[in-house]
Amino acid sequence: MKKSVILDKSYSFALKIIELYQYMRKHQKEFELSKQILRSGTSIGANSEEASGAQSKKDFIAKFSIAYKEARETHYWLRLLKDSSFIEEKKANELITECEELQKNLSSILLSSKNN
């Protein structure tokens, strides 16, 4: 099976989001924002996985479009959690940078798919 950078990166990112979720629930007793970031942060990889098994170009683009939107939403939640001091700035910045990289990768995939 061909190795996919976006699938690997989105999976790795999802694992970090799960860790963040667990930390927020256990140590900060935060239950609402943590659920939001868990949903959007893990959805990036799930939709990318679905796109890799798409049955048509239209389906492929639709799934990666959803993954891109979820990455944007996750970026929002990460900034909000950082600015409200739920997560420390260093950790937040690492996750934000990784999320921005995912957004760029997804955007590139979408642009090249639409142009071909």
C-alpha atoms as a PDB file:
ATOM      1  CA  MET A   1       0.000   0.000   0.000  1.00  0.00           C
ATOM      2  CA  LYS A   2       1.307   3.441  -0.951  1.00  0.00           C
ATOM      3  CA  LYS A   3       2.306   5.632   1.982  1.00  0.00           C
ATOM      4  CA  SER A   4       0.213   8.793   2.306  1.00  0.00           C
ATOM      5  CA  VAL A   5       1.704  11.840   4.008  1.00  0.00           C
ATOM      6  CA  ILE A   6      -1.685  13.433   4.695  1.00  0.00           C
ATOM      7  CA  LEU A   7      -3.082  10.227   6.212  1.00  0.00           C
ATOM      8  CA  ASP A   8      -0.021   9.792   8.433  1.00  0.00           C
ATOM      9  CA  LYS A   9       0.024  13.438   9.538  1.00  0.00           C
ATOM     10  CA  SER A  10      -3.702  13.621  10.208  1.00  0.00           C
ATOM     11  CA  TYR A  11      -3.572  10.368  12.205  1.00  0.00           C
ATOM     12  CA  SER A  12      -0.645  11.599  14.287  1.00  0.00           C
ATOM     13  CA  PHE A  13      -2.423  14.911  14.850  1.00  0.00           C
ATOM     14  CA  ALA A  14      -5.590  13.091  15.950  1.00  0.00           C
ATOM     15  CA  LEU A  15      -3.601  11.187  18.568  1.00  0.00           C
ATOM     16  CA  LYS A  16      -2.289  14.493  19.956  1.00  0.00           C
ATOM     17  CA  ILE A  17      -5.822  15.895  20.023  1.00  0.00           C
ATOM     18  CA  ILE A  18      -6.988  12.827  21.975  1.00  0.00           C
ATOM     19  CA  GLU A  19      -4.188  13.430  24.491  1.00  0.00           C
ATOM     20  CA  LEU A  20      -5.273  17.070  24.795  1.00  0.00           C
ATOM     21  CA  TYR A  21      -8.879  15.998  25.294  1.00  0.00           C
ATOM     22  CA  GLN A  22      -7.922  13.551  28.031  1.00  0.00           C
ATOM     23  CA  TYR A  23      -5.765  16.156  29.769  1.00  0.00           C
ATOM     24  CA  MET A  24      -8.505  18.789  29.691  1.00  0.00           C
ATOM     25  CA  ARG A  25     -11.130  16.419  31.078  1.00  0.00           C
ATOM     26  CA  LYS A  26      -8.934  14.936  33.783  1.00  0.00           C
ATOM     27  CA  HIS A  27      -6.928  17.934  34.995  1.00  0.00           C
ATOM     28  CA  GLN A  28      -9.152  20.874  34.179  1.00  0.00           C
ATOM     29  CA  LYS A  29     -12.563  19.258  34.429  1.00  0.00           C
ATOM     30  CA  GLU A  30     -13.442  20.895  31.116  1.00  0.00           C
ATOM     31  CA  PHE A  31     -16.135  18.976  29.233  1.00  0.00           C
ATOM     32  CA  GLU A  32     -17.634  21.160  26.487  1.00  0.00           C
ATOM     33  CA  LEU A  33     -14.678  22.711  24.654  1.00  0.00           C
ATOM     34  CA  SER A  34     -12.758  19.461  24.951  1.00  0.00           C
ATOM     35  CA  LYS A  35     -15.550  17.631  23.109  1.00  0.00           C
ATOM     36  CA  GLN A  36     -15.531  20.231  20.325  1.00  0.00           C
ATOM     37  CA  ILE A  37     -11.794  19.937  19.707  1.00  0.00           C
ATOM     38  CA  LEU A  38     -11.958  16.149  19.926  1.00  0.00           C
ATOM     39  CA  ARG A  39     -14.659  15.996  17.249  1.00  0.00           C
ATOM     40  CA  SER A  40     -13.058  18.400  14.789  1.00  0.00           C
ATOM     41  CA  GLY A  41      -9.453  17.338  15.420  1.00  0.00           C
ATOM     42  CA  THR A  42     -10.090  13.651  14.830  1.00  0.00           C
ATOM     43  CA  SER A  43     -12.467  14.280  11.937  1.00  0.00           C
ATOM     44  CA  ILE A  44      -9.617  15.618   9.779  1.00  0.00           C
ATOM     45  CA  GLY A  45      -8.043  12.173   9.561  1.00  0.00           C
ATOM     46  CA  ALA A  46     -11.341  10.320   9.328  1.00  0.00           C
ATOM     47  CA  ASN A  47     -12.435  12.351   6.307  1.00  0.00           C
ATOM     48  CA  SER A  48      -8.987  12.078   4.713  1.00  0.00           C
ATOM     49  CA  GLU A  49      -9.206   8.304   5.127  1.00  0.00           C
ATOM     50  CA  GLU A  50     -12.641   8.324   3.498  1.00  0.00           C
ATOM     51  CA  ALA A  51     -11.287  10.425   0.638  1.00  0.00           C
ATOM     52  CA  SER A  52      -8.530   7.901  -0.006  1.00  0.00           C
ATOM     53  CA  GLY A  53     -11.241   5.307  -0.665  1.00  0.00           C
ATOM     54  CA  ALA A  54     -13.467   7.607  -2.685  1.00  0.00           C
ATOM     55  CA  GLN A  55     -15.453   6.117  -5.558  1.00  0.00           C
ATOM     56  CA  SER A  56     -15.227   9.196  -7.753  1.00  0.00           C
ATOM     57  CA  LYS A  57     -13.303  12.423  -8.173  1.00  0.00           C
ATOM     58  CA  LYS A  58     -16.336  14.342  -6.905  1.00  0.00           C
ATOM     59  CA  ASP A  59     -16.480  12.172  -3.767  1.00  0.00           C
ATOM     60  CA  PHE A  60     -12.703  12.548  -3.288  1.00  0.00           C
ATOM     61  CA  ILE A  61     -12.952  16.347  -3.441  1.00  0.00           C
ATOM     62  CA  ALA A  62     -16.007  16.416  -1.168  1.00  0.00           C
ATOM     63  CA  LYS A  63     -14.294  14.365   1.568  1.00  0.00           C
ATOM     64  CA  PHE A  64     -11.088  16.381   1.436  1.00  0.00           C
ATOM     65  CA  SER A  65     -13.169  19.561   1.512  1.00  0.00           C
ATOM     66  CA  ILE A  66     -14.761  18.383   4.745  1.00  0.00           C
ATOM     67  CA  ALA A  67     -11.318  17.510   6.152  1.00  0.00           C
ATOM     68  CA  TYR A  68     -10.127  21.028   5.273  1.00  0.00           C
ATOM     69  CA  LYS A  69     -13.140  22.617   6.988  1.00  0.00           C
ATOM     70  CA  GLU A  70     -12.543  20.475  10.073  1.00  0.00           C
ATOM     71  CA  ALA A  71      -8.897  21.588  10.119  1.00  0.00           C
ATOM     72  CA  ARG A  72     -10.025  25.223  10.037  1.00  0.00           C
ATOM     73  CA  GLU A  73     -12.461  24.574  12.883  1.00  0.00           C
ATOM     74  CA  THR A  74      -9.768  22.811  14.907  1.00  0.00           C
ATOM     75  CA  HIS A  75      -7.459  25.783  14.342  1.00  0.00           C
ATOM     76  CA  TYR A  76     -10.172  28.032  15.794  1.00  0.00           C
ATOM     77  CA  TRP A  77     -10.628  25.847  18.891  1.00  0.00           C
ATOM     78  CA  LEU A  78      -6.880  25.645  19.483  1.00  0.00           C
ATOM     79  CA  ARG A  79      -6.542  29.435  19.344  1.00  0.00           C
ATOM     80  CA  LEU A  80      -9.496  29.806  21.686  1.00  0.00           C
ATOM     81  CA  LEU A  81      -8.090  27.291  24.174  1.00  0.00           C
ATOM     82  CA  LYS A  82      -4.697  29.018  24.070  1.00  0.00           C
ATOM     83  CA  ASP A  83      -6.095  32.526  24.504  1.00  0.00           C
ATOM     84  CA  SER A  84      -8.372  31.431  27.350  1.00  0.00           C
ATOM     85  CA  SER A  85      -5.413  29.717  29.086  1.00  0.00           C
ATOM     86  CA  PHE A  86      -6.897  26.215  29.001  1.00  0.00           C
ATOM     87  CA  ILE A  87      -3.686  24.967  27.435  1.00  0.00           C
ATOM     88  CA  GLU A  88      -0.198  26.346  27.838  1.00  0.00           C
ATOM     89  CA  GLU A  89       1.089  28.573  25.082  1.00  0.00           C
ATOM     90  CA  LYS A  90       3.991  26.325  24.027  1.00  0.00           C
ATOM     91  CA  LYS A  91       1.788  23.255  23.599  1.00  0.00           C
ATOM     92  CA  ALA A  92      -0.925  25.297  21.881  1.00  0.00           C
ATOM     93  CA  ASN A  93       1.557  26.802  19.445  1.00  0.00           C
ATOM     94  CA  GLU A  94       2.909  23.351  18.543  1.00  0.00           C
ATOM     95  CA  LEU A  95      -0.610  22.083  17.810  1.00  0.00           C
ATOM     96  CA  ILE A  96      -1.565  25.261  15.944  1.00  0.00           C
ATOM     97  CA  THR A  97       1.524  24.969  13.726  1.00  0.00           C
ATOM     98  CA  GLU A  98       0.752  21.326  13.008  1.00  0.00           C
ATOM     99  CA  CYS A  99      -2.864  22.191  12.239  1.00  0.00           C
ATOM    100  CA  GLU A 100      -1.777  24.964   9.863  1.00  0.00           C
ATOM    101  CA  GLU A 101       0.473  22.483   8.074  1.00  0.00           C
ATOM    102  CA  LEU A 102      -2.471  20.111   7.677  1.00  0.00           C
ATOM    103  CA  GLN A 103      -4.575  22.960   6.287  1.00  0.00           C
ATOM    104  CA  LYS A 104      -1.870  23.767   3.715  1.00  0.00           C
ATOM    105  CA  ASN A 105      -1.546  20.110   2.706  1.00  0.00           C
ATOM    106  CA  LEU A 106      -5.302  19.707   2.363  1.00  0.00           C
ATOM    107  CA  SER A 107      -5.621  22.948   0.420  1.00  0.00           C
ATOM    108  CA  SER A 108      -2.893  21.797  -1.955  1.00  0.00           C
ATOM    109  CA  ILE A 109      -4.622  18.444  -2.493  1.00  0.00           C
ATOM    110  CA  LEU A 110      -7.912  20.201  -3.199  1.00  0.00           C
ATOM    111  CA  LEU A 111      -6.372  22.685  -5.637  1.00  0.00           C
ATOM    112  CA  SER A 112      -4.522  20.045  -7.603  1.00  0.00           C
ATOM    113  CA  SER A 113      -7.580  17.755  -7.647  1.00  0.00           C
ATOM    114  CA  LYS A 114      -9.856  20.496  -8.933  1.00  0.00           C
ATOM    115  CA  ASN A 115      -7.342  21.528 -11.612  1.00  0.00           C
ATOM    116  CA  ASN A 116      -6.849  18.003 -12.983  1.00  0.00           C
END
